[in-house]
Structure formats: C-alpha cells, structure tokens
C-alpha atoms as a PDB file:
ATOM      1  CA  UNK A   1     -64.243  16.315  -6.942  1.00  0.00           C
ATOM      2  CA  UNK A   2     -61.635  13.799  -8.635  1.00  0.00           C
ATOM      3  CA  UNK A   3     -60.124  17.016 -10.576  1.00  0.00           C
ATOM      4  CA  UNK A   4     -59.714  19.600  -7.682  1.00  0.00           C
ATOM      5  CA  UNK A   5     -57.939  15.912  -6.057  1.00  0.00           C
ATOM      6  CA  UNK A   6     -55.833  15.759  -8.860  1.00  0.00           C
ATOM      7  CA  UNK A   7     -54.166  19.144  -8.967  1.00  0.00           C
ATOM      8  CA  UNK A   8     -53.846  19.319  -4.849  1.00  0.00           C
ATOM      9  CA  UNK A   9     -51.316  16.261  -5.793  1.00  0.00           C
ATOM     10  CA  UNK A  10     -47.715  17.017  -7.122  1.00  0.00           C
ATOM     11  CA  UNK A  11     -47.214  14.424  -9.068  1.00  0.00           C
ATOM     12  CA  UNK A  12     -43.988  13.902 -10.725  1.00  0.00           C
ATOM     13  CA  UNK A  13     -44.693  14.104 -14.644  1.00  0.00           C
ATOM     14  CA  UNK A  14     -42.536  13.809 -17.934  1.00  0.00           C
ATOM     15  CA  UNK A  15     -42.836  15.693 -21.020  1.00  0.00           C
ATOM     16  CA  UNK A  16     -43.962  13.776 -24.524  1.00  0.00           C
ATOM     17  CA  UNK A  17     -40.859  14.266 -25.869  1.00  0.00           C
ATOM     18  CA  UNK A  18     -38.827  12.520 -23.430  1.00  0.00           C
ATOM     19  CA  UNK A  19     -40.694   9.205 -24.147  1.00  0.00           C
ATOM     20  CA  UNK A  20     -38.153   7.654 -24.692  1.00  0.00           C
ATOM     21  CA  UNK A  21     -36.285   8.034 -21.043  1.00  0.00           C
ATOM     22  CA  UNK A  22     -38.587   4.698 -19.877  1.00  0.00           C
ATOM     23  CA  UNK A  23     -37.589   2.843 -22.729  1.00  0.00           C
ATOM     24  CA  UNK A  24     -33.875   3.541 -21.689  1.00  0.00           C
ATOM     25  CA  UNK A  25     -34.336   2.646 -18.104  1.00  0.00           C
ATOM     26  CA  UNK A  26     -35.740  -0.233 -19.188  1.00  0.00           C
ATOM     27  CA  UNK A  27     -33.227  -1.476 -21.470  1.00  0.00           C
ATOM     28  CA  UNK A  28     -30.258   0.315 -20.040  1.00  0.00           C
ATOM     29  CA  UNK A  29     -30.220  -2.407 -16.842  1.00  0.00           C
ATOM     30  CA  UNK A  30     -30.266  -5.542 -19.949  1.00  0.00           C
ATOM     31  CA  UNK A  31     -26.650  -4.061 -21.306  1.00  0.00           C
ATOM     32  CA  UNK A  32     -24.957  -2.989 -17.762  1.00  0.00           C
ATOM     33  CA  UNK A  33     -26.111  -6.545 -16.768  1.00  0.00           C
ATOM     34  CA  UNK A  34     -24.902  -7.945 -19.924  1.00  0.00           C
ATOM     35  CA  UNK A  35     -21.433  -6.301 -19.269  1.00  0.00           C
ATOM     36  CA  UNK A  36     -21.275  -7.261 -15.679  1.00  0.00           C
ATOM     37  CA  UNK A  37     -21.663 -10.763 -16.365  1.00  0.00           C
ATOM     38  CA  UNK A  38     -18.921 -10.402 -19.040  1.00  0.00           C
ATOM     39  CA  UNK A  39     -16.554  -8.902 -16.872  1.00  0.00           C
ATOM     40  CA  UNK A  40     -17.249 -10.866 -14.164  1.00  0.00           C
ATOM     41  CA  UNK A  41     -16.843 -14.337 -15.961  1.00  0.00           C
ATOM     42  CA  UNK A  42     -13.121 -12.925 -17.013  1.00  0.00           C
ATOM     43  CA  UNK A  43     -12.254 -11.827 -13.358  1.00  0.00           C
ATOM     44  CA  UNK A  44     -13.030 -15.643 -12.712  1.00  0.00           C
ATOM     45  CA  UNK A  45     -11.331 -16.810 -14.806  1.00  0.00           C
ATOM     46  CA  UNK A  46      -8.618 -14.456 -13.629  1.00  0.00           C
ATOM     47  CA  UNK A  47      -9.039 -16.062 -10.478  1.00  0.00           C
ATOM     48  CA  UNK A  48      -8.882 -19.690 -11.708  1.00  0.00           C
ATOM     49  CA  UNK A  49      -5.526 -19.137 -13.894  1.00  0.00           C
ATOM     50  CA  UNK A  50      -4.100 -17.259 -10.698  1.00  0.00           C
ATOM     51  CA  UNK A  51      -4.801 -20.099  -8.898  1.00  0.00           C
ATOM     52  CA  UNK A  52      -3.284 -22.409 -11.296  1.00  0.00           C
ATOM     53  CA  UNK A  53      -0.390 -20.616 -11.218  1.00  0.00           C
ATOM     54  CA  UNK A  54      -0.163 -21.112  -7.950  1.00  0.00           C
ATOM     55  CA  UNK A  55      -0.076 -24.379  -7.600  1.00  0.00           C
ATOM     56  CA  UNK A  56       2.151 -24.575 -10.710  1.00  0.00           C
ATOM     57  CA  UNK A  57       4.588 -22.542  -8.843  1.00  0.00           C
ATOM     58  CA  UNK A  58       4.408 -24.423  -5.565  1.00  0.00           C
ATOM     59  CA  UNK A  59       4.170 -27.678  -6.989  1.00  0.00           C
ATOM     60  CA  UNK A  60       8.112 -28.533  -5.876  1.00  0.00           C
ATOM     61  CA  UNK A  61      10.075 -31.515  -6.829  1.00  0.00           C
ATOM     62  CA  UNK A  62      11.900 -34.236  -4.715  1.00  0.00           C
ATOM     63  CA  UNK A  63      14.748 -32.496  -4.504  1.00  0.00           C
ATOM     64  CA  UNK A  64      13.050 -29.715  -2.298  1.00  0.00           C
ATOM     65  CA  UNK A  65      13.291 -30.492   1.515  1.00  0.00           C
ATOM     66  CA  UNK A  66      10.116 -31.279   3.382  1.00  0.00           C
ATOM     67  CA  UNK A  67       9.577 -31.197   6.967  1.00  0.00           C
ATOM     68  CA  UNK A  68       6.648 -32.190   9.093  1.00  0.00           C
ATOM     69  CA  UNK A  69       4.796 -29.010  10.599  1.00  0.00           C
ATOM     70  CA  UNK A  70       5.181 -30.063  13.692  1.00  0.00           C
ATOM     71  CA  UNK A  71       9.037 -30.538  13.524  1.00  0.00           C
ATOM     72  CA  UNK A  72       8.744 -26.142  12.228  1.00  0.00           C
ATOM     73  CA  UNK A  73       6.521 -24.961  15.617  1.00  0.00           C
ATOM     74  CA  UNK A  74       3.738 -25.093  17.420  1.00  0.00           C
ATOM     75  CA  UNK A  75       0.179 -25.344  17.543  1.00  0.00           C
ATOM     76  CA  UNK A  76      -1.610 -23.112  19.586  1.00  0.00           C
ATOM     77  CA  UNK A  77      -5.420 -22.493  20.409  1.00  0.00           C
ATOM     78  CA  UNK A  78      -7.150 -19.630  20.433  1.00  0.00           C
ATOM     79  CA  UNK A  79      -9.110 -17.293  23.226  1.00  0.00           C
ATOM     80  CA  UNK A  80     -10.623 -19.403  26.329  1.00  0.00           C
ATOM     81  CA  UNK A  81     -13.255 -18.822  28.640  1.00  0.00           C
ATOM     82  CA  UNK A  82     -15.169 -16.040  26.754  1.00  0.00           C
ATOM     83  CA  UNK A  83     -18.410 -15.330  26.646  1.00  0.00           C
ATOM     84  CA  UNK A  84     -20.981 -13.762  23.995  1.00  0.00           C
ATOM     85  CA  UNK A  85     -21.216 -10.858  25.980  1.00  0.00           C
ATOM     86  CA  UNK A  86     -17.841 -10.653  25.929  1.00  0.00           C
ATOM     87  CA  UNK A  87     -17.705  -9.729  22.407  1.00  0.00           C
ATOM     88  CA  UNK A  88     -19.489  -6.604  23.259  1.00  0.00           C
ATOM     89  CA  UNK A  89     -18.064  -3.536  23.905  1.00  0.00           C
ATOM     90  CA  UNK A  90     -14.359  -5.190  23.651  1.00  0.00           C
ATOM     91  CA  UNK A  91     -10.911  -3.395  24.183  1.00  0.00           C
ATOM     92  CA  UNK A  92      -8.831  -5.797  22.320  1.00  0.00           C
ATOM     93  CA  UNK A  93      -8.377  -6.832  18.262  1.00  0.00           C
ATOM     94  CA  UNK A  94      -8.686 -10.443  18.349  1.00  0.00           C
ATOM     95  CA  UNK A  95      -8.710 -12.568  13.867  1.00  0.00           C
ATOM     96  CA  UNK A  96     -12.340 -13.416  13.880  1.00  0.00           C
ATOM     97  CA  UNK A  97     -12.960 -16.709  12.157  1.00  0.00           C
ATOM     98  CA  UNK A  98     -14.526 -15.348   9.154  1.00  0.00           C
ATOM     99  CA  UNK A  99     -11.754 -13.148   8.658  1.00  0.00           C
ATOM    100  CA  UNK A 100      -8.779 -16.651   8.812  1.00  0.00           C
ATOM    101  CA  UNK A 101     -11.127 -17.992   5.598  1.00  0.00           C
ATOM    102  CA  UNK A 102     -11.923 -15.597   3.502  1.00  0.00           C
ATOM    103  CA  UNK A 103      -8.013 -13.842   3.237  1.00  0.00           C
ATOM    104  CA  UNK A 104      -4.768 -15.245   3.188  1.00  0.00           C
ATOM    105  CA  UNK A 105      -3.535 -12.897   4.819  1.00  0.00           C
ATOM    106  CA  UNK A 106      -5.032 -12.175   8.267  1.00  0.00           C
ATOM    107  CA  UNK A 107      -6.428  -8.181   7.680  1.00  0.00           C
ATOM    108  CA  UNK A 108      -5.581  -6.093  11.118  1.00  0.00           C
ATOM    109  CA  UNK A 109      -8.077  -3.435  10.577  1.00  0.00           C
ATOM    110  CA  UNK A 110     -10.792  -5.008  10.984  1.00  0.00           C
ATOM    111  CA  UNK A 111     -13.535  -3.702  13.887  1.00  0.00           C
ATOM    112  CA  UNK A 112     -13.574  -7.098  15.636  1.00  0.00           C
ATOM    113  CA  UNK A 113     -13.215  -6.735  18.736  1.00  0.00           C
ATOM    114  CA  UNK A 114     -13.079  -8.556  22.218  1.00  0.00           C
ATOM    115  CA  UNK A 115     -13.383  -7.781  26.355  1.00  0.00           C
ATOM    116  CA  UNK A 116      -9.384  -9.235  27.800  1.00  0.00           C
ATOM    117  CA  UNK A 117      -9.507  -7.995  31.428  1.00  0.00           C
ATOM    118  CA  UNK A 118      -5.290  -6.466  32.982  1.00  0.00           C
ATOM    119  CA  UNK A 119      -3.277  -9.848  33.756  1.00  0.00           C
ATOM    120  CA  UNK A 120      -5.565 -11.847  31.862  1.00  0.00           C
ATOM    121  CA  UNK A 121      -4.111 -15.134  30.357  1.00  0.00           C
ATOM    122  CA  UNK A 122      -4.504 -14.927  26.555  1.00  0.00           C
ATOM    123  CA  UNK A 123      -2.189 -16.477  23.721  1.00  0.00           C
ATOM    124  CA  UNK A 124      -1.844 -13.465  21.217  1.00  0.00           C
ATOM    125  CA  UNK A 125      -0.315 -13.192  17.756  1.00  0.00           C
ATOM    126  CA  UNK A 126       2.496 -12.763  16.569  1.00  0.00           C
ATOM    127  CA  UNK A 127       4.199 -12.062  12.755  1.00  0.00           C
ATOM    128  CA  UNK A 128       4.117 -15.432  10.957  1.00  0.00           C
ATOM    129  CA  UNK A 129       1.824 -16.523  12.207  1.00  0.00           C
ATOM    130  CA  UNK A 130      -0.143 -19.229  10.159  1.00  0.00           C
ATOM    131  CA  UNK A 131      -3.763 -19.215  11.125  1.00  0.00           C
ATOM    132  CA  UNK A 132      -6.357 -22.266  10.281  1.00  0.00           C
ATOM    133  CA  UNK A 133     -10.142 -22.490  10.650  1.00  0.00           C
ATOM    134  CA  UNK A 134     -10.344 -25.529  13.276  1.00  0.00           C
ATOM    135  CA  UNK A 135     -13.657 -26.227  11.655  1.00  0.00           C
ATOM    136  CA  UNK A 136     -16.026 -26.355   9.116  1.00  0.00           C
ATOM    137  CA  UNK A 137     -19.481 -28.313   7.628  1.00  0.00           C
ATOM    138  CA  UNK A 138     -17.667 -28.770   4.692  1.00  0.00           C
ATOM    139  CA  UNK A 139     -14.542 -31.130   4.128  1.00  0.00           C
ATOM    140  CA  UNK A 140     -13.421 -29.036   1.378  1.00  0.00           C
ATOM    141  CA  UNK A 141     -13.786 -26.359   3.115  1.00  0.00           C
ATOM    142  CA  UNK A 142     -11.926 -27.320   6.060  1.00  0.00           C
ATOM    143  CA  UNK A 143      -8.584 -25.655   7.741  1.00  0.00           C
ATOM    144  CA  UNK A 144      -8.870 -22.769   5.630  1.00  0.00           C
ATOM    145  CA  UNK A 145      -5.720 -21.051   6.212  1.00  0.00           C
ATOM    146  CA  UNK A 146      -4.337 -16.886   7.376  1.00  0.00           C
ATOM    147  CA  UNK A 147      -0.939 -15.751   7.375  1.00  0.00           C
ATOM    148  CA  UNK A 148       0.282 -12.535   9.540  1.00  0.00           C
ATOM    149  CA  UNK A 149       2.059 -11.260   7.325  1.00  0.00           C
ATOM    150  CA  UNK A 150       3.015  -7.808   9.470  1.00  0.00           C
ATOM    151  CA  UNK A 151       4.279  -6.624  12.585  1.00  0.00           C
ATOM    152  CA  UNK A 152       1.626  -6.266  14.844  1.00  0.00           C
ATOM    153  CA  UNK A 153       2.074  -2.637  16.948  1.00  0.00           C
ATOM    154  CA  UNK A 154      -0.246  -3.774  19.817  1.00  0.00           C
ATOM    155  CA  UNK A 155      -1.565  -7.695  21.349  1.00  0.00           C
ATOM    156  CA  UNK A 156      -3.879  -8.916  18.925  1.00  0.00           C
ATOM    157  CA  UNK A 157      -5.948 -12.178  19.423  1.00  0.00           C
ATOM    158  CA  UNK A 158      -7.341 -15.172  17.851  1.00  0.00           C
ATOM    159  CA  UNK A 159     -10.983 -16.381  17.454  1.00  0.00           C
ATOM    160  CA  UNK A 160     -11.876 -19.644  20.029  1.00  0.00           C
ATOM    161  CA  UNK A 161     -12.445 -21.860  16.533  1.00  0.00           C
ATOM    162  CA  UNK A 162      -9.087 -21.688  14.688  1.00  0.00           C
ATOM    163  CA  UNK A 163      -5.528 -23.260  15.542  1.00  0.00           C
ATOM    164  CA  UNK A 164      -2.587 -20.950  15.738  1.00  0.00           C
ATOM    165  CA  UNK A 165       1.068 -22.025  14.101  1.00  0.00           C
ATOM    166  CA  UNK A 166       3.906 -20.155  14.976  1.00  0.00           C
ATOM    167  CA  UNK A 167       7.814 -21.228  13.836  1.00  0.00           C
ATOM    168  CA  UNK A 168      10.064 -21.810  15.945  1.00  0.00           C
ATOM    169  CA  UNK A 169      12.067 -19.489  14.157  1.00  0.00           C
ATOM    170  CA  UNK A 170      10.515 -16.954  11.059  1.00  0.00           C
ATOM    171  CA  UNK A 171      12.927 -16.972   8.827  1.00  0.00           C
ATOM    172  CA  UNK A 172      12.373 -20.996   7.779  1.00  0.00           C
ATOM    173  CA  UNK A 173       9.382 -19.965   6.279  1.00  0.00           C
ATOM    174  CA  UNK A 174       8.876 -16.498   4.753  1.00  0.00           C
ATOM    175  CA  UNK A 175       5.091 -14.995   5.395  1.00  0.00           C
ATOM    176  CA  UNK A 176       4.739 -13.890   1.943  1.00  0.00           C
ATOM    177  CA  UNK A 177       5.810 -17.146   0.735  1.00  0.00           C
ATOM    178  CA  UNK A 178       3.637 -19.211   3.519  1.00  0.00           C
ATOM    179  CA  UNK A 179      -0.145 -17.095   2.832  1.00  0.00           C
ATOM    180  CA  UNK A 180       0.645 -18.547  -1.025  1.00  0.00           C
ATOM    181  CA  UNK A 181       1.727 -22.133  -0.155  1.00  0.00           C
ATOM    182  CA  UNK A 182      -0.765 -23.537   3.077  1.00  0.00           C
ATOM    183  CA  UNK A 183      -3.513 -22.292  -0.121  1.00  0.00           C
ATOM    184  CA  UNK A 184      -1.839 -24.169  -2.508  1.00  0.00           C
ATOM    185  CA  UNK A 185      -3.330 -27.633  -3.819  1.00  0.00           C
ATOM    186  CA  UNK A 186      -0.413 -29.739  -2.396  1.00  0.00           C
ATOM    187  CA  UNK A 187      -1.209 -28.345   0.991  1.00  0.00           C
ATOM    188  CA  UNK A 188      -4.950 -28.072   0.843  1.00  0.00           C
ATOM    189  CA  UNK A 189      -4.909 -31.994  -0.235  1.00  0.00           C
ATOM    190  CA  UNK A 190      -2.623 -32.540   3.427  1.00  0.00           C
ATOM    191  CA  UNK A 191      -5.124 -30.052   5.632  1.00  0.00           C
ATOM    192  CA  UNK A 192      -8.544 -31.589   4.730  1.00  0.00           C
ATOM    193  CA  UNK A 193      -7.254 -35.439   5.355  1.00  0.00           C
ATOM    194  CA  UNK A 194      -6.682 -34.342   8.555  1.00  0.00           C
ATOM    195  CA  UNK A 195     -10.316 -33.330   9.732  1.00  0.00           C
ATOM    196  CA  UNK A 196     -12.862 -35.998  10.750  1.00  0.00           C
ATOM    197  CA  UNK A 197     -16.574 -35.595  11.096  1.00  0.00           C
ATOM    198  CA  UNK A 198     -20.072 -36.194   9.615  1.00  0.00           C
ATOM    199  CA  UNK A 199     -22.062 -32.940   9.845  1.00  0.00           C
ATOM    200  CA  UNK A 200     -19.445 -31.131  10.991  1.00  0.00           C
ATOM    201  CA  UNK A 201     -15.808 -31.592  10.293  1.00  0.00           C
ATOM    202  CA  UNK A 202     -12.866 -30.778  12.588  1.00  0.00           C
ATOM    203  CA  UNK A 203      -9.304 -30.813  11.892  1.00  0.00           C
ATOM    204  CA  UNK A 204      -6.775 -33.101  14.259  1.00  0.00           C
ATOM    205  CA  UNK A 205      -4.126 -31.246  15.501  1.00  0.00           C
ATOM    206  CA  UNK A 206      -1.933 -34.827  15.822  1.00  0.00           C
ATOM    207  CA  UNK A 207      -2.755 -35.411  12.027  1.00  0.00           C
ATOM    208  CA  UNK A 208      -2.045 -31.644  11.224  1.00  0.00           C
ATOM    209  CA  UNK A 209       1.466 -32.043  12.631  1.00  0.00           C
ATOM    210  CA  UNK A 210       2.251 -34.271  10.599  1.00  0.00           C
ATOM    211  CA  UNK A 211       1.835 -32.561   7.559  1.00  0.00           C
ATOM    212  CA  UNK A 212       4.558 -32.266   5.066  1.00  0.00           C
ATOM    213  CA  UNK A 213       5.408 -28.285   4.305  1.00  0.00           C
ATOM    214  CA  UNK A 214       8.250 -28.085   1.806  1.00  0.00           C
ATOM    215  CA  UNK A 215      11.160 -25.694   2.283  1.00  0.00           C
ATOM    216  CA  UNK A 216      12.909 -23.864  -0.799  1.00  0.00           C
ATOM    217  CA  UNK A 217      15.454 -21.383   0.553  1.00  0.00           C
ATOM    218  CA  UNK A 218      14.940 -18.394   1.364  1.00  0.00           C
ATOM    219  CA  UNK A 219      15.498 -16.299  -1.590  1.00  0.00           C
ATOM    220  CA  UNK A 220      13.423 -18.981  -4.213  1.00  0.00           C
ATOM    221  CA  UNK A 221      10.382 -18.714  -1.268  1.00  0.00           C
ATOM    222  CA  UNK A 222      10.862 -14.308  -2.138  1.00  0.00           C
ATOM    223  CA  UNK A 223      11.127 -15.135  -5.540  1.00  0.00           C
ATOM    224  CA  UNK A 224       7.502 -16.600  -5.281  1.00  0.00           C
ATOM    225  CA  UNK A 225       6.100 -14.668  -3.586  1.00  0.00           C
ATOM    226  CA  UNK A 226       6.396 -12.157  -5.633  1.00  0.00           C
ATOM    227  CA  UNK A 227       5.204 -13.374  -8.242  1.00  0.00           C
ATOM    228  CA  UNK A 228       1.996 -14.346  -6.831  1.00  0.00           C
ATOM    229  CA  UNK A 229       1.245 -11.414  -4.931  1.00  0.00           C
ATOM    230  CA  UNK A 230       1.913  -9.731  -8.318  1.00  0.00           C
ATOM    231  CA  UNK A 231      -1.524 -11.894 -10.193  1.00  0.00           C
ATOM    232  CA  UNK A 232      -3.275 -12.097  -6.965  1.00  0.00           C
ATOM    233  CA  UNK A 233      -3.661  -8.377  -6.889  1.00  0.00           C
ATOM    234  CA  UNK A 234      -3.829  -7.845 -10.190  1.00  0.00           C
ATOM    235  CA  UNK A 235      -7.015 -10.637  -9.421  1.00  0.00           C
ATOM    236  CA  UNK A 236      -8.363  -9.195  -6.105  1.00  0.00           C
ATOM    237  CA  UNK A 237      -7.467  -5.785  -5.257  1.00  0.00           C
ATOM    238  CA  UNK A 238     -10.578  -3.167  -6.582  1.00  0.00           C
ATOM    239  CA  UNK A 239      -8.279  -0.511  -7.928  1.00  0.00           C
ATOM    240  CA  UNK A 240      -7.155  -2.407 -10.048  1.00  0.00           C
ATOM    241  CA  UNK A 241      -7.996  -3.808 -13.388  1.00  0.00           C
ATOM    242  CA  UNK A 242     -11.442  -5.909 -13.732  1.00  0.00           C
ATOM    243  CA  UNK A 243     -12.826  -5.246 -10.432  1.00  0.00           C
ATOM    244  CA  UNK A 244     -12.345  -1.679 -10.584  1.00  0.00           C
ATOM    245  CA  UNK A 245     -13.923  -1.625 -14.032  1.00  0.00           C
ATOM    246  CA  UNK A 246     -16.812  -3.972 -12.894  1.00  0.00           C
ATOM    247  CA  UNK A 247     -16.863  -0.905  -9.869  1.00  0.00           C
ATOM    248  CA  UNK A 248     -17.702   1.922 -12.660  1.00  0.00           C
ATOM    249  CA  UNK A 249     -19.974   0.201 -14.756  1.00  0.00           C
ATOM    250  CA  UNK A 250     -21.720  -0.124 -11.847  1.00  0.00           C
ATOM    251  CA  UNK A 251     -22.345   3.699 -10.494  1.00  0.00           C
ATOM    252  CA  UNK A 252     -22.235   4.192 -14.507  1.00  0.00           C
ATOM    253  CA  UNK A 253     -25.310   2.664 -14.239  1.00  0.00           C
ATOM    254  CA  UNK A 254     -26.910   3.616 -11.099  1.00  0.00           C
ATOM    255  CA  UNK A 255     -25.965   7.473 -12.433  1.00  0.00           C
ATOM    256  CA  UNK A 256     -27.307   7.796 -15.720  1.00  0.00           C
ATOM    257  CA  UNK A 257     -30.669   5.764 -13.907  1.00  0.00           C
ATOM    258  CA  UNK A 258     -31.329   8.632 -12.330  1.00  0.00           C
ATOM    259  CA  UNK A 259     -30.504  11.312 -14.577  1.00  0.00           C
ATOM    260  CA  UNK A 260     -32.944   9.136 -16.449  1.00  0.00           C
ATOM    261  CA  UNK A 261     -35.813   8.671 -12.988  1.00  0.00           C
ATOM    262  CA  UNK A 262     -35.314  12.169 -12.257  1.00  0.00           C
ATOM    263  CA  UNK A 263     -38.336  14.562 -13.854  1.00  0.00           C
ATOM    264  CA  UNK A 264     -39.458  18.286 -13.114  1.00  0.00           C
ATOM    265  CA  UNK A 265     -42.561  18.506 -11.654  1.00  0.00           C
ATOM    266  CA  UNK A 266     -45.549  20.191 -12.743  1.00  0.00           C
ATOM    267  CA  UNK A 267     -46.422  23.841 -11.617  1.00  0.00           C
ATOM    268  CA  UNK A 268     -49.398  24.013  -8.649  1.00  0.00           C
END
C-alpha cells in the first residue's frame, strides 16, 4: 500500500552525487548575508560622510547674510475640506506627508491622487516651494523638509498635514541649494525648536517664520548644490556605487539559490 502511494506521488529528488547542493544552500546565504552586512555598513558610512560634508558646507560664517524665513516669503497650508473618500479615485496629484518626509526633493512621479472639483479653491504648489511636515510623534523628526526643484506642468497640491513656504523671489533661494540647506544641522536645530507638544509635536508657524536662513550669493548656492548633489547621488542612487552592488549581490544569491533548489523529477 505504502509503495503504491509513493509510486503515484511525484517527488523531486537529487542524485546522490549532488548532495553538496544542500551544503551550498546552507552555506551561501551566510556568505551573502555577511557581504550584505558589510555593504550596508559601508553605505551607512557614506551617508554619514555625506551628512558631515553637508553640515560643514552649510555652516556659514557670520559674514553671510541671514534673513528670517517670514521676511523671505509666505507660509501656507495644504489641502482643506477633504475626507478619506476624496483620496480614492482622485483626479489631481498631491504630495503626501511621506513624500515630504523621505525626500529632500519632492517626487512628482508618485501615484498619490485626490479629488479636486473644477473651480475648487485649493492652493497649488510651484517651483521653489519648501515643504515642511507639520507634526510628528518625535521632536527630532518634526519639520522635515522637501523642496519643489522642477517646474510643474500640472496642478499639484500639498497634503493637509504639511506646511508650505513660497519665497517672494525664487532667485533669492536656489531650490537645489534649499533642498540641502533645510536638512542641514544649522537649520534643523532651529526647526525642531519651533514645535511643541507632549505625545505629538506640532510646528508653530509663528516660530517657523522666525528661523534665520543664511543667504550666500546665488553663485555660491549653485556651487554648494553641485557638490552635495554629486555626493548625495553616489550615496543614494540605486544605479550607482554601493546600493547597486548590494542589489546585484542579492540577485546573484537568488539566482544561485533557485538553481541549486531545482531538481529533476523521477520518471513515473
């Protein structure tokens, strides 16, 4: 009875001469795990190095003019009058809280949409706008920024949990420079002090208007932006350097794992 059942059951087997496959399958993950850990440690070191250079380049001397944010432009809020249903099947793109939090430059390629009726009064975003997250459960993470660094060819809106800032003149503050500046230690140390709360921290617009923004020459802004862009690209771009190496190693492991675990079946 047991023999007949075994005959009818298709079971993948391996020739005895290939028994080393099991050893390889056990050992190779350890090697790749170790390599991944080393690459991730190196990538983290690069990020730390980038932050060091960014903070150094953006720590200006007292000779550089500083202007209160409120004197450079206006603060504005995000979407109003929206409920959960408005974010299903939307017709207009909006910048989500997570988009602002995770990206120094706003990503406009994400599929975040909201319903906006024709003629509805909502503030749209523009090139050069600086966006702040308005609240956070952690004081250290409040007021994270993202900048609109490209011209928008459609109406794009801001989520209701963030705050927007629009310079009176975009020539005063290069958007490519601003995306690094507002994430630097000198600005972050001011921004976190604008928030108050106990279990959740909220940015005070009144205090935010008072933060001091350094304004080097436009040429110096462009130079600093180019230096930091190159370093940031090498650190974070998934097609360059260590991140690409890490992704390649993961694919290599998956390829060999699948080959090692693919067995011929016994003929029935």
